[in-house]
Structures are given as structure tokens and as C-alpha cells.
N, C-alpha and C. Protein backbone atom coordinates (compact mmCIF):
# COMPACT_ATOMS: atom_id res chain seq x y z
N UNK A 1 0.94 -1.01 0.10
CA UNK A 1 -0.15 0.22 0.27
C UNK A 1 0.87 1.16 0.25
N UNK A 2 0.24 2.42 -1.13
CA UNK A 2 0.96 2.98 -0.72
C UNK A 2 0.49 4.72 0.10
N UNK A 3 1.74 5.25 1.05
CA UNK A 3 0.79 6.36 1.67
C UNK A 3 0.83 8.05 0.75
N UNK A 4 -0.24 8.21 1.23
CA UNK A 4 -0.53 9.44 0.03
C UNK A 4 -0.64 10.61 1.34
N UNK A 5 -0.38 12.21 0.88
CA UNK A 5 -0.49 12.91 1.58
C UNK A 5 -1.03 13.88 1.00
N UNK A 6 -2.33 14.26 1.27
CA UNK A 6 -3.02 15.60 0.58
C UNK A 6 -3.32 16.80 1.29
N UNK A 7 -3.07 17.86 0.70
CA UNK A 7 -2.99 19.29 1.70
C UNK A 7 -4.42 19.57 1.06
N UNK A 8 -5.34 20.31 2.01
CA UNK A 8 -6.23 21.05 1.53
C UNK A 8 -6.43 22.44 2.60
N UNK A 9 -6.81 23.30 2.16
CA UNK A 9 -6.80 24.51 2.76
C UNK A 9 -8.23 24.95 2.99
N UNK A 10 -8.34 25.58 4.20
CA UNK A 10 -9.72 26.21 4.62
C UNK A 10 -10.40 27.31 4.64
N UNK A 11 -9.40 27.82 4.01
CA UNK A 11 -9.93 29.09 2.84
C UNK A 11 -9.73 30.33 3.94
N UNK A 12 -10.57 31.52 3.37
CA UNK A 12 -10.43 32.66 4.23
C UNK A 12 -11.17 32.58 6.16
N UNK A 13 -11.72 31.87 6.00
CA UNK A 13 -12.66 31.90 7.38
C UNK A 13 -13.77 31.29 7.67
N UNK A 14 -14.74 31.06 6.43
CA UNK A 14 -16.06 31.31 6.30
C UNK A 14 -16.24 29.87 6.07
N UNK A 15 -17.01 28.81 6.79
CA UNK A 15 -17.14 27.57 6.77
C UNK A 15 -17.70 27.47 5.40
N UNK A 16 -18.50 28.46 4.69
CA UNK A 16 -19.23 28.69 3.31
C UNK A 16 -17.92 28.17 2.38
N UNK A 17 -16.99 28.44 2.93
CA UNK A 17 -15.76 28.63 1.50
C UNK A 17 -15.05 27.16 1.31
N UNK A 18 -15.68 26.62 2.84
CA UNK A 18 -14.76 24.99 1.84
C UNK A 18 -15.58 24.21 1.37
N UNK A 19 -15.14 23.74 -0.12
CA UNK A 19 -15.53 22.91 -0.81
C UNK A 19 -16.10 21.58 -0.03
N UNK A 20 -16.80 20.70 -0.42
CA UNK A 20 -17.64 19.50 -0.53
C UNK A 20 -16.56 18.42 -0.60
N UNK A 21 -15.56 18.64 -1.46
CA UNK A 21 -14.54 17.86 -1.78
C UNK A 21 -13.42 17.70 -0.60
N UNK A 22 -13.34 19.32 -0.28
CA UNK A 22 -12.39 19.27 0.69
C UNK A 22 -12.59 18.45 2.35
N UNK A 23 -13.94 19.05 2.78
CA UNK A 23 -14.31 18.14 3.58
C UNK A 23 -14.40 16.56 3.23
N UNK A 24 -14.72 16.28 2.39
CA UNK A 24 -14.66 14.53 2.14
C UNK A 24 -13.06 14.25 2.34
N UNK A 25 -12.21 15.08 1.86
CA UNK A 25 -10.64 14.62 2.29
C UNK A 25 -10.18 15.02 3.98
N UNK A 26 -10.80 15.92 4.31
CA UNK A 26 -10.33 15.88 5.52
C UNK A 26 -11.54 14.85 6.74
N UNK A 27 -12.92 14.45 6.18
CA UNK A 27 -13.24 13.42 7.18
C UNK A 27 -12.74 12.05 7.01
N UNK A 28 -12.13 11.47 5.82
CA UNK A 28 -11.31 10.67 5.14
C UNK A 28 -10.29 10.26 5.51
N UNK A 29 -9.61 11.04 6.00
CA UNK A 29 -8.27 11.09 6.07
C UNK A 29 -7.88 10.16 7.60
N UNK A 30 -7.03 9.54 7.98
CA UNK A 30 -6.28 8.86 8.82
C UNK A 30 -5.98 9.84 9.91
N UNK A 31 -4.95 10.57 9.64
CA UNK A 31 -4.12 11.78 10.54
C UNK A 31 -4.28 13.02 9.86
N UNK A 32 -4.52 13.51 10.39
CA UNK A 32 -4.78 14.92 10.30
C UNK A 32 -4.06 16.26 10.76
N UNK A 33 -3.93 16.68 10.23
CA UNK A 33 -2.60 17.68 10.92
C UNK A 33 -2.88 19.28 10.84
N UNK A 34 -2.95 20.41 11.54
CA UNK A 34 -3.57 21.36 10.91
C UNK A 34 -2.71 22.57 11.33
N UNK A 35 -2.38 23.45 10.77
CA UNK A 35 -1.42 24.58 10.72
C UNK A 35 -1.74 25.31 12.56
N UNK A 36 -2.98 25.79 12.20
CA UNK A 36 -3.47 26.39 13.58
C UNK A 36 -4.91 25.92 14.01
N UNK A 37 -4.88 26.22 15.45
CA UNK A 37 -6.14 26.01 16.07
C UNK A 37 -7.19 27.22 15.90
N UNK A 38 -6.50 28.43 15.53
CA UNK A 38 -7.05 29.67 15.90
C UNK A 38 -7.76 29.92 14.18
N UNK A 39 -7.56 29.44 13.24
CA UNK A 39 -8.59 29.69 12.11
C UNK A 39 -10.16 29.09 12.39
N UNK A 40 -10.97 30.30 12.18
CA UNK A 40 -12.29 29.79 11.92
C UNK A 40 -12.89 28.38 11.65
N UNK A 41 -12.45 27.98 10.48
CA UNK A 41 -12.99 26.78 10.57
C UNK A 41 -12.33 25.34 11.08
N UNK A 42 -11.09 25.88 11.44
CA UNK A 42 -10.81 24.61 12.71
C UNK A 42 -11.22 23.50 13.04
N UNK A 43 -12.56 23.66 13.61
CA UNK A 43 -13.12 22.85 14.78
C UNK A 43 -13.67 21.52 13.23
N UNK A 44 -13.63 22.03 12.05
CA UNK A 44 -14.08 20.79 10.98
C UNK A 44 -12.94 19.90 11.03
N UNK A 45 -11.74 20.35 11.37
CA UNK A 45 -10.94 19.22 11.37
C UNK A 45 -10.84 18.41 12.58
N UNK A 46 -11.34 17.39 12.95
CA UNK A 46 -11.56 17.18 14.00
C UNK A 46 -10.55 16.08 14.23
N UNK A 47 -10.16 15.92 15.95
CA UNK A 47 -8.85 15.23 16.09
C UNK A 47 -7.59 15.37 15.87
N UNK A 48 -7.35 16.77 14.74
CA UNK A 48 -6.60 17.36 14.07
C UNK A 48 -4.67 17.21 15.16
N UNK A 49 -3.89 17.03 15.15
CA UNK A 49 -2.66 17.65 15.91
C UNK A 49 -2.48 18.86 15.02
N UNK A 50 -2.54 20.40 15.85
CA UNK A 50 -2.05 21.30 15.46
C UNK A 50 -0.38 21.96 15.40
N UNK A 51 -0.15 22.90 15.14
CA UNK A 51 1.32 23.16 15.00
C UNK A 51 1.54 24.65 16.03
N UNK A 52 0.07 24.80 16.86
CA UNK A 52 0.02 26.31 17.54
C UNK A 52 1.18 26.22 18.45
N UNK A 53 2.11 25.26 18.73
CA UNK A 53 2.91 25.27 19.92
C UNK A 53 4.36 25.52 19.26
N UNK A 54 4.49 25.25 18.11
CA UNK A 54 5.45 25.88 17.11
C UNK A 54 5.33 27.49 16.75
N UNK A 55 4.46 28.26 16.87
CA UNK A 55 3.89 29.17 16.62
C UNK A 55 4.45 30.29 17.86
N UNK A 56 3.65 29.47 18.92
CA UNK A 56 4.14 30.05 20.53
C UNK A 56 5.07 30.22 20.86
N UNK A 57 6.46 29.37 20.89
CA UNK A 57 7.69 29.76 20.88
C UNK A 57 8.58 30.42 20.15
N UNK A 58 8.25 31.00 18.96
CA UNK A 58 8.82 32.05 18.32
C UNK A 58 8.23 33.10 18.11
N UNK A 59 9.24 34.03 18.15
CA UNK A 59 9.14 35.14 17.86
C UNK A 59 8.31 36.03 16.82
N UNK A 60 8.86 35.40 15.90
CA UNK A 60 8.54 36.12 14.44
C UNK A 60 7.55 34.87 13.90
N UNK A 61 6.78 35.00 12.77
CA UNK A 61 5.84 34.22 12.15
C UNK A 61 7.37 33.32 11.22
N UNK A 62 8.16 33.83 10.85
CA UNK A 62 9.13 33.60 9.68
C UNK A 62 9.82 32.26 10.47
N UNK A 63 10.25 32.47 11.40
CA UNK A 63 10.86 31.50 12.14
C UNK A 63 10.64 30.35 12.43
N UNK A 64 9.25 30.13 12.41
CA UNK A 64 8.19 28.86 12.32
C UNK A 64 8.90 27.95 11.42
N UNK A 65 9.46 28.99 10.22
CA UNK A 65 9.43 27.99 8.57
C UNK A 65 11.28 27.80 8.47
């Protein structure tokens, strides 16, 4: 079996901006990661591992990358 990584965007903030295909990909994934739980639509990505701690331990956004 080949592993796949799928990257989807949550859009600008409104749940209405998220496509049905994006929701399907989120719901059908085994492992979920989310950049930050502070995004307005983050609640749609249940049981996700966030990178909030990485952002919080750096002074500048650029340092995370």
C-alpha cells in the first residue's frame, strides 16, 4: 500500500468557503494535521494535531518556517 499526503486549504475563514471535496478529504483521512486551531474553520478538522505550539515558541512568524 502506498501512503499519500493530501493538503487542503480551509479558505479565508467562513465554513461556506470550504468545498464538499475538501470536507470529504478531511473526513476520510486517517491522520490530520492543522496549522493552527485559531482558524475560524479549524473545528471542522476533528482530532487534528496542530502546530500552535511551534508558533507560540517563536517571536516571528518567519522563524517557524
